[in-house]
Amino acid sequence: MQNAEEHVKQGKNKRQAKPSLEQLVERCRKLRAKAELAAADFLLGLMEIEAQYMEVLRDNGCDTFERFLRSYHICDPARYRDFCAGVGVIGRMRARRIGEHATREAARFRNMSPQKVEKLVLRAEAFETRNGVKPSAAEARRYRAELEAPRVTGIRTASKLAALEAENRELRAELRACKKELEREQKRRVRAEGRVEYLAAELERKS
């Protein structure tokens, strides 16, 4: 009887124990990581079906894989094709490793280069190492945008600096001209004031 009561007490204590914030974060990250891996496996699985069974689909009225995806509410065709394009750039293994979003962005570079793609993949892998999850759509998009941003070369920097220096010289010259004009105006005013004082004195003397 006593053992049964102790068992009930232990059960109550377990139910009352609350997880810490860190434990909740870790639990949520694990859930997200599972979902991300499942999404990549889902899309890779669709690629296998398209590669192996298009004949079956055509025999059943689906002349394209997109129609099959759309007709049976399986996947957004645009999402699938974007992922396929990314896999064509980085390969299946890497696509599974960095996740759906970074894979899709890998195919969206306007000026494609192996260096940019490699940097994108490395950033995605580093993100997962730090956070335990793969980059979101927004994060993957930002990585690509940063890698696509034009880099200012030394020549362009020197050219811009020369233009700024020329503008500064023009401003200094304009400032000097304004100062000289102000000095001349002050001298004219002093002469005018002196003339007024002289005429006033003459008028007073003659009166």
N, C-alpha and C. Protein backbone atom coordinates (compact mmCIF):
# COMPACT_ATOMS: atom_id res chain seq x y z
N MET A 1 0.84 -1.21 0.00
CA MET A 1 0.00 0.00 0.00
C MET A 1 0.86 1.25 0.00
N GLN A 2 1.91 1.21 0.86
CA GLN A 2 2.81 2.35 0.95
C GLN A 2 3.53 2.59 -0.37
N ASN A 3 3.96 1.53 -1.05
CA ASN A 3 4.63 1.67 -2.34
C ASN A 3 3.71 2.29 -3.37
N ALA A 4 2.43 1.90 -3.31
CA ALA A 4 1.46 2.46 -4.26
C ALA A 4 1.29 3.96 -4.04
N GLU A 5 1.23 4.38 -2.76
CA GLU A 5 1.08 5.82 -2.45
C GLU A 5 2.30 6.60 -2.92
N GLU A 6 3.48 6.03 -2.70
CA GLU A 6 4.71 6.70 -3.14
C GLU A 6 4.73 6.84 -4.66
N HIS A 7 4.26 5.80 -5.35
CA HIS A 7 4.22 5.83 -6.81
C HIS A 7 3.28 6.94 -7.30
N VAL A 8 2.12 7.09 -6.61
CA VAL A 8 1.16 8.16 -6.96
C VAL A 8 1.79 9.52 -6.73
N LYS A 9 2.50 9.66 -5.59
CA LYS A 9 3.18 10.92 -5.28
C LYS A 9 4.21 11.28 -6.34
N GLN A 10 5.00 10.31 -6.73
CA GLN A 10 6.02 10.55 -7.75
C GLN A 10 5.38 10.97 -9.07
N GLY A 11 4.26 10.34 -9.41
CA GLY A 11 3.54 10.70 -10.64
C GLY A 11 3.07 12.14 -10.59
N LYS A 12 2.54 12.57 -9.42
CA LYS A 12 2.08 13.95 -9.27
C LYS A 12 3.24 14.92 -9.41
N ASN A 13 4.37 14.59 -8.81
CA ASN A 13 5.55 15.46 -8.88
C ASN A 13 6.02 15.62 -10.32
N LYS A 14 5.98 14.50 -11.08
CA LYS A 14 6.39 14.57 -12.48
C LYS A 14 5.47 15.47 -13.28
N ARG A 15 4.15 15.37 -12.99
CA ARG A 15 3.19 16.20 -13.72
C ARG A 15 3.35 17.67 -13.37
N GLN A 16 3.72 17.97 -12.14
CA GLN A 16 3.84 19.35 -11.70
C GLN A 16 5.16 20.00 -12.13
N ALA A 17 6.18 19.21 -12.43
CA ALA A 17 7.48 19.77 -12.80
C ALA A 17 7.36 20.51 -14.13
N LYS A 18 7.87 21.74 -14.17
CA LYS A 18 7.82 22.57 -15.38
C LYS A 18 9.19 22.62 -16.03
N PRO A 19 9.23 22.53 -17.34
CA PRO A 19 10.53 22.61 -18.02
C PRO A 19 11.07 24.04 -17.99
N SER A 20 12.37 24.17 -18.11
CA SER A 20 12.98 25.50 -18.20
C SER A 20 12.82 26.04 -19.63
N LEU A 21 13.09 27.33 -19.79
CA LEU A 21 13.01 27.93 -21.12
C LEU A 21 13.98 27.25 -22.07
N GLU A 22 15.18 26.95 -21.60
CA GLU A 22 16.19 26.32 -22.44
C GLU A 22 15.72 24.95 -22.92
N GLN A 23 15.04 24.22 -22.04
CA GLN A 23 14.52 22.90 -22.42
C GLN A 23 13.42 23.01 -23.48
N LEU A 24 12.57 24.03 -23.33
CA LEU A 24 11.51 24.24 -24.33
C LEU A 24 12.10 24.63 -25.68
N VAL A 25 13.12 25.52 -25.65
CA VAL A 25 13.77 25.93 -26.90
C VAL A 25 14.39 24.72 -27.59
N GLU A 26 15.08 23.90 -26.81
CA GLU A 26 15.73 22.72 -27.38
C GLU A 26 14.69 21.76 -27.97
N ARG A 27 13.57 21.60 -27.28
CA ARG A 27 12.50 20.72 -27.77
C ARG A 27 11.92 21.25 -29.08
N CYS A 28 11.69 22.55 -29.14
CA CYS A 28 11.13 23.15 -30.36
C CYS A 28 12.11 23.06 -31.52
N ARG A 29 13.39 23.25 -31.23
CA ARG A 29 14.40 23.14 -32.28
C ARG A 29 14.46 21.72 -32.85
N LYS A 30 14.32 20.74 -31.99
CA LYS A 30 14.32 19.36 -32.47
C LYS A 30 13.11 19.08 -33.35
N LEU A 31 11.96 19.65 -32.97
CA LEU A 31 10.76 19.49 -33.79
C LEU A 31 10.95 20.14 -35.16
N ARG A 32 11.53 21.35 -35.14
CA ARG A 32 11.76 22.05 -36.41
C ARG A 32 12.76 21.28 -37.27
N ALA A 33 13.82 20.77 -36.65
CA ALA A 33 14.82 20.02 -37.41
C ALA A 33 14.20 18.79 -38.07
N LYS A 34 13.30 18.12 -37.36
CA LYS A 34 12.61 16.97 -37.95
C LYS A 34 11.76 17.38 -39.15
N ALA A 35 11.04 18.50 -38.97
CA ALA A 35 10.17 18.97 -40.05
C ALA A 35 10.99 19.37 -41.28
N GLU A 36 12.15 20.01 -41.04
CA GLU A 36 12.99 20.44 -42.16
C GLU A 36 13.56 19.25 -42.92
N LEU A 37 14.00 18.25 -42.17
CA LEU A 37 14.54 17.06 -42.82
C LEU A 37 13.43 16.32 -43.59
N ALA A 38 12.23 16.29 -43.00
CA ALA A 38 11.11 15.64 -43.66
C ALA A 38 10.75 16.37 -44.95
N ALA A 39 10.81 17.72 -44.94
CA ALA A 39 10.49 18.49 -46.15
C ALA A 39 11.48 18.19 -47.27
N ALA A 40 12.77 18.13 -46.91
CA ALA A 40 13.79 17.82 -47.93
C ALA A 40 13.60 16.41 -48.47
N ASP A 41 13.34 15.45 -47.57
CA ASP A 41 13.13 14.06 -48.01
C ASP A 41 11.87 13.95 -48.87
N PHE A 42 10.84 14.71 -48.54
CA PHE A 42 9.61 14.72 -49.33
C PHE A 42 9.89 15.16 -50.77
N LEU A 43 10.60 16.26 -50.91
CA LEU A 43 10.89 16.79 -52.25
C LEU A 43 11.84 15.88 -53.03
N LEU A 44 12.82 15.34 -52.32
CA LEU A 44 13.73 14.40 -52.98
C LEU A 44 12.98 13.14 -53.41
N GLY A 45 12.03 12.71 -52.61
CA GLY A 45 11.22 11.55 -52.97
C GLY A 45 10.37 11.81 -54.21
N LEU A 46 9.85 13.04 -54.30
CA LEU A 46 9.08 13.40 -55.50
C LEU A 46 9.96 13.35 -56.74
N MET A 47 11.21 13.76 -56.59
CA MET A 47 12.14 13.72 -57.72
C MET A 47 12.35 12.28 -58.20
N GLU A 48 12.44 11.35 -57.25
CA GLU A 48 12.60 9.94 -57.61
C GLU A 48 11.38 9.42 -58.36
N ILE A 49 10.21 9.82 -57.89
CA ILE A 49 8.98 9.37 -58.56
C ILE A 49 8.90 9.91 -59.98
N GLU A 50 9.24 11.19 -60.14
CA GLU A 50 9.23 11.76 -61.49
C GLU A 50 10.20 11.04 -62.40
N ALA A 51 11.39 10.75 -61.87
CA ALA A 51 12.43 10.11 -62.69
C ALA A 51 12.06 8.68 -63.09
N GLN A 52 11.33 7.98 -62.22
CA GLN A 52 11.11 6.55 -62.45
C GLN A 52 9.72 6.19 -62.99
N TYR A 53 8.73 7.04 -62.70
CA TYR A 53 7.36 6.58 -62.97
C TYR A 53 6.53 7.54 -63.82
N MET A 54 7.16 8.35 -64.64
CA MET A 54 6.39 9.25 -65.49
C MET A 54 5.51 8.48 -66.47
N GLU A 55 5.95 7.31 -66.89
CA GLU A 55 5.15 6.51 -67.83
C GLU A 55 3.81 6.14 -67.20
N VAL A 56 3.87 5.74 -65.93
CA VAL A 56 2.63 5.39 -65.22
C VAL A 56 1.71 6.60 -65.13
N LEU A 57 2.29 7.75 -64.83
CA LEU A 57 1.48 8.96 -64.70
C LEU A 57 0.85 9.35 -66.03
N ARG A 58 1.62 9.23 -67.11
CA ARG A 58 1.08 9.56 -68.43
C ARG A 58 -0.07 8.60 -68.80
N ASP A 59 0.10 7.34 -68.48
CA ASP A 59 -0.96 6.37 -68.78
C ASP A 59 -2.24 6.69 -68.03
N ASN A 60 -2.13 7.47 -66.96
CA ASN A 60 -3.30 7.81 -66.16
C ASN A 60 -3.70 9.28 -66.30
N GLY A 61 -3.32 9.86 -67.43
CA GLY A 61 -3.83 11.19 -67.76
C GLY A 61 -3.01 12.37 -67.30
N CYS A 62 -1.84 12.14 -66.71
CA CYS A 62 -0.99 13.26 -66.25
C CYS A 62 0.20 13.37 -67.20
N ASP A 63 0.08 14.26 -68.19
CA ASP A 63 1.14 14.36 -69.18
C ASP A 63 2.38 15.06 -68.65
N THR A 64 2.24 15.79 -67.56
CA THR A 64 3.41 16.41 -66.92
C THR A 64 3.38 16.11 -65.42
N PHE A 65 4.54 16.18 -64.80
CA PHE A 65 4.60 15.93 -63.37
C PHE A 65 3.92 17.06 -62.60
N GLU A 66 3.99 18.28 -63.14
CA GLU A 66 3.32 19.41 -62.50
C GLU A 66 1.81 19.17 -62.41
N ARG A 67 1.26 18.64 -63.50
CA ARG A 67 -0.18 18.35 -63.48
C ARG A 67 -0.50 17.31 -62.41
N PHE A 68 0.33 16.30 -62.30
CA PHE A 68 0.15 15.27 -61.27
C PHE A 68 0.17 15.90 -59.88
N LEU A 69 1.16 16.75 -59.62
CA LEU A 69 1.26 17.39 -58.30
C LEU A 69 0.05 18.26 -58.00
N ARG A 70 -0.40 18.98 -59.02
CA ARG A 70 -1.52 19.90 -58.85
C ARG A 70 -2.85 19.14 -58.72
N SER A 71 -3.06 18.16 -59.58
CA SER A 71 -4.34 17.44 -59.63
C SER A 71 -4.62 16.68 -58.33
N TYR A 72 -3.57 16.13 -57.72
CA TYR A 72 -3.77 15.33 -56.52
C TYR A 72 -3.36 16.07 -55.24
N HIS A 73 -3.19 17.39 -55.36
CA HIS A 73 -2.89 18.24 -54.19
C HIS A 73 -1.69 17.72 -53.39
N ILE A 74 -0.65 17.41 -54.11
CA ILE A 74 0.53 16.83 -53.47
C ILE A 74 1.54 17.91 -53.08
N CYS A 75 1.79 18.84 -54.00
CA CYS A 75 2.81 19.86 -53.73
C CYS A 75 2.63 21.01 -54.71
N ASP A 76 2.99 22.20 -54.27
CA ASP A 76 3.00 23.35 -55.18
C ASP A 76 4.06 23.10 -56.25
N PRO A 77 3.69 23.07 -57.53
CA PRO A 77 4.67 22.80 -58.59
C PRO A 77 5.84 23.77 -58.59
N ALA A 78 5.58 25.05 -58.29
CA ALA A 78 6.67 26.04 -58.29
C ALA A 78 7.69 25.71 -57.20
N ARG A 79 7.20 25.34 -56.03
CA ARG A 79 8.09 24.94 -54.93
C ARG A 79 8.94 23.75 -55.35
N TYR A 80 8.31 22.77 -55.97
CA TYR A 80 9.03 21.57 -56.39
C TYR A 80 10.09 21.89 -57.44
N ARG A 81 9.72 22.68 -58.44
CA ARG A 81 10.67 22.99 -59.50
C ARG A 81 11.84 23.83 -58.99
N ASP A 82 11.57 24.75 -58.07
CA ASP A 82 12.66 25.54 -57.48
C ASP A 82 13.65 24.62 -56.76
N PHE A 83 13.10 23.66 -56.02
CA PHE A 83 13.96 22.72 -55.30
C PHE A 83 14.77 21.87 -56.28
N CYS A 84 14.11 21.40 -57.34
CA CYS A 84 14.83 20.61 -58.35
C CYS A 84 15.98 21.40 -58.97
N ALA A 85 15.72 22.68 -59.24
CA ALA A 85 16.77 23.52 -59.82
C ALA A 85 17.95 23.65 -58.86
N GLY A 86 17.64 23.79 -57.56
CA GLY A 86 18.71 23.87 -56.56
C GLY A 86 19.51 22.58 -56.46
N VAL A 87 18.81 21.46 -56.51
CA VAL A 87 19.49 20.16 -56.48
C VAL A 87 20.40 20.02 -57.70
N GLY A 88 19.95 20.56 -58.83
CA GLY A 88 20.80 20.53 -60.03
C GLY A 88 22.08 21.30 -59.86
N VAL A 89 22.08 22.26 -58.94
CA VAL A 89 23.28 23.09 -58.72
C VAL A 89 24.18 22.48 -57.65
N ILE A 90 23.59 22.00 -56.54
CA ILE A 90 24.42 21.56 -55.41
C ILE A 90 24.41 20.05 -55.17
N GLY A 91 23.50 19.32 -55.80
CA GLY A 91 23.45 17.87 -55.62
C GLY A 91 22.49 17.45 -54.51
N ARG A 92 22.09 16.18 -54.54
CA ARG A 92 21.08 15.67 -53.62
C ARG A 92 21.56 15.63 -52.18
N MET A 93 22.77 15.20 -51.94
CA MET A 93 23.27 15.06 -50.57
C MET A 93 23.35 16.41 -49.87
N ARG A 94 23.88 17.39 -50.60
CA ARG A 94 23.98 18.72 -49.99
C ARG A 94 22.61 19.35 -49.79
N ALA A 95 21.70 19.09 -50.71
CA ALA A 95 20.34 19.62 -50.58
C ALA A 95 19.69 19.10 -49.31
N ARG A 96 19.87 17.83 -49.04
CA ARG A 96 19.31 17.25 -47.81
C ARG A 96 19.97 17.83 -46.58
N ARG A 97 21.25 18.15 -46.70
CA ARG A 97 22.00 18.65 -45.55
C ARG A 97 21.65 20.10 -45.21
N ILE A 98 21.47 20.95 -46.23
CA ILE A 98 21.23 22.37 -45.93
C ILE A 98 19.74 22.73 -45.94
N GLY A 99 18.89 21.81 -46.40
CA GLY A 99 17.47 22.04 -46.31
C GLY A 99 16.85 22.65 -47.57
N GLU A 100 15.53 22.66 -47.55
CA GLU A 100 14.77 23.09 -48.73
C GLU A 100 15.05 24.55 -49.11
N HIS A 101 15.02 25.46 -48.15
CA HIS A 101 15.07 26.89 -48.48
C HIS A 101 16.41 27.31 -49.06
N ALA A 102 17.50 26.88 -48.43
CA ALA A 102 18.82 27.22 -48.95
C ALA A 102 19.05 26.56 -50.31
N THR A 103 18.51 25.36 -50.49
CA THR A 103 18.64 24.67 -51.78
C THR A 103 17.94 25.45 -52.89
N ARG A 104 16.75 25.95 -52.60
CA ARG A 104 16.00 26.72 -53.60
C ARG A 104 16.74 28.02 -53.95
N GLU A 105 17.33 28.65 -52.94
CA GLU A 105 18.05 29.90 -53.20
C GLU A 105 19.32 29.67 -54.01
N ALA A 106 19.90 28.48 -53.91
CA ALA A 106 21.15 28.19 -54.63
C ALA A 106 20.98 28.31 -56.14
N ALA A 107 19.74 28.17 -56.62
CA ALA A 107 19.50 28.24 -58.07
C ALA A 107 19.02 29.62 -58.50
N ARG A 108 18.95 30.57 -57.58
CA ARG A 108 18.36 31.88 -57.89
C ARG A 108 19.37 33.00 -58.08
N PHE A 109 20.65 32.68 -58.06
CA PHE A 109 21.66 33.71 -58.31
C PHE A 109 21.49 34.27 -59.71
N ARG A 110 21.51 35.60 -59.82
CA ARG A 110 21.41 36.21 -61.15
C ARG A 110 22.69 35.96 -61.95
N ASN A 111 23.81 36.13 -61.27
CA ASN A 111 25.11 35.85 -61.90
C ASN A 111 25.71 34.63 -61.20
N MET A 112 25.34 33.47 -61.69
CA MET A 112 25.74 32.22 -61.04
C MET A 112 27.25 32.01 -61.12
N SER A 113 27.81 31.58 -59.99
CA SER A 113 29.23 31.20 -59.98
C SER A 113 29.43 30.14 -58.92
N PRO A 114 30.36 29.21 -59.13
CA PRO A 114 30.61 28.17 -58.12
C PRO A 114 31.00 28.76 -56.77
N GLN A 115 31.71 29.90 -56.78
CA GLN A 115 32.14 30.52 -55.52
C GLN A 115 30.95 30.98 -54.70
N LYS A 116 29.98 31.62 -55.36
CA LYS A 116 28.80 32.10 -54.65
C LYS A 116 28.00 30.94 -54.08
N VAL A 117 27.82 29.91 -54.88
CA VAL A 117 27.06 28.75 -54.43
C VAL A 117 27.74 28.10 -53.24
N GLU A 118 29.05 27.95 -53.32
CA GLU A 118 29.81 27.33 -52.23
C GLU A 118 29.68 28.15 -50.94
N LYS A 119 29.75 29.46 -51.06
CA LYS A 119 29.61 30.32 -49.87
C LYS A 119 28.21 30.20 -49.28
N LEU A 120 27.20 30.11 -50.14
CA LEU A 120 25.83 29.95 -49.65
C LEU A 120 25.69 28.65 -48.87
N VAL A 121 26.22 27.57 -49.41
CA VAL A 121 26.15 26.27 -48.75
C VAL A 121 26.88 26.32 -47.41
N LEU A 122 28.05 26.92 -47.39
CA LEU A 122 28.83 27.00 -46.15
C LEU A 122 28.11 27.83 -45.09
N ARG A 123 27.47 28.91 -45.53
CA ARG A 123 26.71 29.74 -44.58
C ARG A 123 25.53 28.96 -43.99
N ALA A 124 24.85 28.21 -44.85
CA ALA A 124 23.72 27.41 -44.38
C ALA A 124 24.18 26.35 -43.38
N GLU A 125 25.30 25.72 -43.67
CA GLU A 125 25.82 24.69 -42.76
C GLU A 125 26.26 25.32 -41.44
N ALA A 126 26.89 26.49 -41.52
CA ALA A 126 27.33 27.17 -40.29
C ALA A 126 26.13 27.59 -39.45
N PHE A 127 25.05 28.01 -40.11
CA PHE A 127 23.84 28.40 -39.40
C PHE A 127 23.29 27.22 -38.59
N GLU A 128 23.26 26.05 -39.21
CA GLU A 128 22.74 24.87 -38.50
C GLU A 128 23.67 24.47 -37.36
N THR A 129 24.97 24.62 -37.55
CA THR A 129 25.91 24.30 -36.48
C THR A 129 25.68 25.20 -35.27
N ARG A 130 25.39 26.49 -35.52
CA ARG A 130 25.17 27.44 -34.42
C ARG A 130 23.81 27.26 -33.76
N ASN A 131 22.79 27.00 -34.56
CA ASN A 131 21.41 27.07 -34.05
C ASN A 131 20.68 25.74 -33.95
N GLY A 132 21.26 24.70 -34.54
CA GLY A 132 20.61 23.40 -34.47
C GLY A 132 19.46 23.22 -35.44
N VAL A 133 19.22 24.21 -36.30
CA VAL A 133 18.17 24.13 -37.32
C VAL A 133 18.72 24.68 -38.63
N LYS A 134 18.01 24.42 -39.71
CA LYS A 134 18.45 24.90 -41.01
C LYS A 134 17.92 26.32 -41.25
N PRO A 135 18.51 27.08 -42.16
CA PRO A 135 18.04 28.45 -42.41
C PRO A 135 16.59 28.48 -42.88
N SER A 136 15.84 29.47 -42.41
CA SER A 136 14.48 29.67 -42.88
C SER A 136 14.51 30.26 -44.29
N ALA A 137 13.34 30.41 -44.88
CA ALA A 137 13.27 31.00 -46.23
C ALA A 137 13.84 32.41 -46.23
N ALA A 138 13.51 33.21 -45.21
CA ALA A 138 14.00 34.59 -45.14
C ALA A 138 15.51 34.63 -44.95
N GLU A 139 16.04 33.76 -44.10
CA GLU A 139 17.48 33.74 -43.85
C GLU A 139 18.25 33.30 -45.10
N ALA A 140 17.76 32.27 -45.78
CA ALA A 140 18.42 31.80 -47.01
C ALA A 140 18.37 32.88 -48.08
N ARG A 141 17.25 33.58 -48.18
CA ARG A 141 17.11 34.66 -49.16
C ARG A 141 18.10 35.79 -48.85
N ARG A 142 18.26 36.10 -47.57
CA ARG A 142 19.21 37.17 -47.17
C ARG A 142 20.64 36.77 -47.50
N TYR A 143 20.99 35.52 -47.26
CA TYR A 143 22.34 35.05 -47.59
C TYR A 143 22.63 35.25 -49.08
N ARG A 144 21.66 34.84 -49.91
CA ARG A 144 21.88 34.99 -51.36
C ARG A 144 21.99 36.45 -51.76
N ALA A 145 21.14 37.30 -51.18
CA ALA A 145 21.18 38.73 -51.51
C ALA A 145 22.52 39.35 -51.12
N GLU A 146 23.04 38.96 -49.97
CA GLU A 146 24.35 39.48 -49.53
C GLU A 146 25.46 39.03 -50.47
N LEU A 147 25.39 37.79 -50.92
CA LEU A 147 26.42 37.27 -51.83
C LEU A 147 26.31 37.88 -53.22
N GLU A 148 25.11 38.31 -53.59
CA GLU A 148 24.90 38.91 -54.90
C GLU A 148 25.21 40.40 -54.92
N ALA A 149 25.25 41.03 -53.74
CA ALA A 149 25.48 42.48 -53.69
C ALA A 149 26.82 42.80 -54.32
N PRO A 150 26.86 43.81 -55.21
CA PRO A 150 28.13 44.14 -55.88
C PRO A 150 29.17 44.62 -54.89
N ARG A 151 30.35 44.08 -55.03
CA ARG A 151 31.46 44.48 -54.16
C ARG A 151 32.17 45.69 -54.76
N VAL A 152 32.48 46.66 -53.91
CA VAL A 152 33.17 47.87 -54.39
C VAL A 152 34.65 47.54 -54.57
N THR A 153 35.12 47.67 -55.77
CA THR A 153 36.52 47.36 -56.05
C THR A 153 37.41 48.53 -55.66
N GLY A 154 38.74 48.27 -55.62
CA GLY A 154 39.68 49.34 -55.29
C GLY A 154 39.63 50.46 -56.30
N ILE A 155 39.43 50.11 -57.57
CA ILE A 155 39.38 51.13 -58.62
C ILE A 155 38.17 52.03 -58.43
N ARG A 156 37.03 51.42 -58.13
CA ARG A 156 35.82 52.21 -57.93
C ARG A 156 35.95 53.08 -56.70
N THR A 157 36.59 52.57 -55.66
CA THR A 157 36.79 53.36 -54.45
C THR A 157 37.68 54.56 -54.74
N ALA A 158 38.78 54.34 -55.47
CA ALA A 158 39.69 55.44 -55.81
C ALA A 158 38.98 56.48 -56.67
N SER A 159 38.16 56.01 -57.61
CA SER A 159 37.42 56.92 -58.47
C SER A 159 36.45 57.78 -57.66
N LYS A 160 35.76 57.14 -56.73
CA LYS A 160 34.81 57.87 -55.90
C LYS A 160 35.54 58.88 -55.02
N LEU A 161 36.70 58.47 -54.49
CA LEU A 161 37.48 59.37 -53.64
C LEU A 161 37.96 60.58 -54.45
N ALA A 162 38.40 60.36 -55.69
CA ALA A 162 38.86 61.47 -56.53
C ALA A 162 37.71 62.44 -56.82
N ALA A 163 36.51 61.89 -57.04
CA ALA A 163 35.35 62.75 -57.30
C ALA A 163 35.02 63.60 -56.08
N LEU A 164 35.12 63.00 -54.89
CA LEU A 164 34.84 63.74 -53.66
C LEU A 164 35.88 64.84 -53.44
N GLU A 165 37.14 64.52 -53.72
CA GLU A 165 38.19 65.53 -53.57
C GLU A 165 37.99 66.70 -54.53
N ALA A 166 37.58 66.40 -55.78
CA ALA A 166 37.31 67.46 -56.75
C ALA A 166 36.15 68.34 -56.29
N GLU A 167 35.13 67.71 -55.72
CA GLU A 167 33.98 68.47 -55.22
C GLU A 167 34.40 69.36 -54.05
N ASN A 168 35.26 68.82 -53.20
CA ASN A 168 35.76 69.62 -52.06
C ASN A 168 36.55 70.83 -52.55
N ARG A 169 37.36 70.64 -53.59
CA ARG A 169 38.13 71.77 -54.13
C ARG A 169 37.20 72.85 -54.66
N GLU A 170 36.15 72.44 -55.35
CA GLU A 170 35.20 73.42 -55.88
C GLU A 170 34.51 74.17 -54.75
N LEU A 171 34.15 73.46 -53.68
CA LEU A 171 33.49 74.10 -52.55
C LEU A 171 34.43 75.08 -51.85
N ARG A 172 35.69 74.69 -51.72
CA ARG A 172 36.67 75.60 -51.09
C ARG A 172 36.84 76.86 -51.93
N ALA A 173 36.93 76.70 -53.26
CA ALA A 173 37.08 77.86 -54.15
C ALA A 173 35.87 78.77 -54.04
N GLU A 174 34.68 78.19 -53.98
CA GLU A 174 33.46 78.99 -53.86
C GLU A 174 33.45 79.73 -52.52
N LEU A 175 33.91 79.06 -51.47
CA LEU A 175 33.97 79.69 -50.14
C LEU A 175 34.94 80.87 -50.15
N ARG A 176 36.11 80.70 -50.78
CA ARG A 176 37.07 81.80 -50.85
C ARG A 176 36.49 82.99 -51.61
N ALA A 177 35.78 82.70 -52.71
CA ALA A 177 35.17 83.78 -53.50
C ALA A 177 34.12 84.52 -52.67
N CYS A 178 33.35 83.80 -51.89
CA CYS A 178 32.33 84.44 -51.04
C CYS A 178 32.97 85.31 -49.97
N LYS A 179 34.07 84.82 -49.39
CA LYS A 179 34.77 85.61 -48.37
C LYS A 179 35.31 86.90 -48.95
N LYS A 180 35.88 86.82 -50.17
CA LYS A 180 36.42 88.04 -50.81
C LYS A 180 35.30 89.03 -51.11
N GLU A 181 34.18 88.51 -51.58
CA GLU A 181 33.04 89.38 -51.88
C GLU A 181 32.54 90.04 -50.61
N LEU A 182 32.51 89.29 -49.50
CA LEU A 182 32.08 89.84 -48.22
C LEU A 182 33.05 90.93 -47.75
N GLU A 183 34.34 90.70 -47.93
CA GLU A 183 35.33 91.71 -47.54
C GLU A 183 35.15 92.99 -48.35
N ARG A 184 34.94 92.82 -49.66
CA ARG A 184 34.73 94.02 -50.50
C ARG A 184 33.47 94.76 -50.09
N GLU A 185 32.44 94.03 -49.74
CA GLU A 185 31.19 94.65 -49.32
C GLU A 185 31.38 95.41 -48.01
N GLN A 186 32.17 94.83 -47.11
CA GLN A 186 32.44 95.50 -45.83
C GLN A 186 33.22 96.80 -46.05
N LYS A 187 34.20 96.74 -46.99
CA LYS A 187 34.98 97.96 -47.28
C LYS A 187 34.09 99.03 -47.88
N ARG A 188 33.19 98.66 -48.79
CA ARG A 188 32.27 99.63 -49.38
C ARG A 188 31.36 100.24 -48.31
N ARG A 189 30.94 99.40 -47.38
CA ARG A 189 30.07 99.92 -46.33
C ARG A 189 30.83 100.90 -45.44
N VAL A 190 32.10 100.58 -45.13
CA VAL A 190 32.91 101.49 -44.30
C VAL A 190 33.10 102.82 -45.02
N ARG A 191 33.38 102.76 -46.34
CA ARG A 191 33.57 104.00 -47.10
C ARG A 191 32.26 104.80 -47.14
N ALA A 192 31.15 104.09 -47.32
CA ALA A 192 29.86 104.78 -47.37
C ALA A 192 29.54 105.43 -46.04
N GLU A 193 29.83 104.74 -44.95
CA GLU A 193 29.58 105.32 -43.63
C GLU A 193 30.45 106.56 -43.40
N GLY A 194 31.70 106.46 -43.87
CA GLY A 194 32.60 107.62 -43.73
C GLY A 194 32.09 108.81 -44.55
N ARG A 195 31.60 108.56 -45.74
CA ARG A 195 31.07 109.63 -46.59
C ARG A 195 29.85 110.28 -45.95
N VAL A 196 28.98 109.42 -45.35
CA VAL A 196 27.79 109.96 -44.67
C VAL A 196 28.20 110.87 -43.51
N GLU A 197 29.18 110.44 -42.74
CA GLU A 197 29.64 111.24 -41.60
C GLU A 197 30.25 112.56 -42.08
N TYR A 198 30.99 112.50 -43.18
CA TYR A 198 31.61 113.72 -43.73
C TYR A 198 30.54 114.71 -44.19
N LEU A 199 29.55 114.22 -44.95
CA LEU A 199 28.49 115.10 -45.45
C LEU A 199 27.67 115.70 -44.29
N ALA A 200 27.42 114.90 -43.27
CA ALA A 200 26.69 115.41 -42.13
C ALA A 200 27.46 116.50 -41.42
N ALA A 201 28.76 116.30 -41.32
CA ALA A 201 29.60 117.32 -40.67
C ALA A 201 29.62 118.60 -41.50
N GLU A 202 29.69 118.50 -42.82
CA GLU A 202 29.68 119.66 -43.70
C GLU A 202 28.37 120.45 -43.59
N LEU A 203 27.26 119.68 -43.57
CA LEU A 203 25.97 120.34 -43.44
C LEU A 203 25.85 121.08 -42.12
N GLU A 204 26.35 120.48 -41.09
CA GLU A 204 26.28 121.11 -39.77
C GLU A 204 27.17 122.36 -39.72
N ARG A 205 28.33 122.29 -40.37
CA ARG A 205 29.24 123.44 -40.37
C ARG A 205 28.65 124.62 -41.14
N LYS A 206 28.01 124.35 -42.29
CA LYS A 206 27.47 125.42 -43.12
C LYS A 206 26.20 126.03 -42.54
N SER A 207 25.53 125.23 -41.73
CA SER A 207 24.30 125.77 -41.12
C SER A 207 24.69 126.56 -39.88
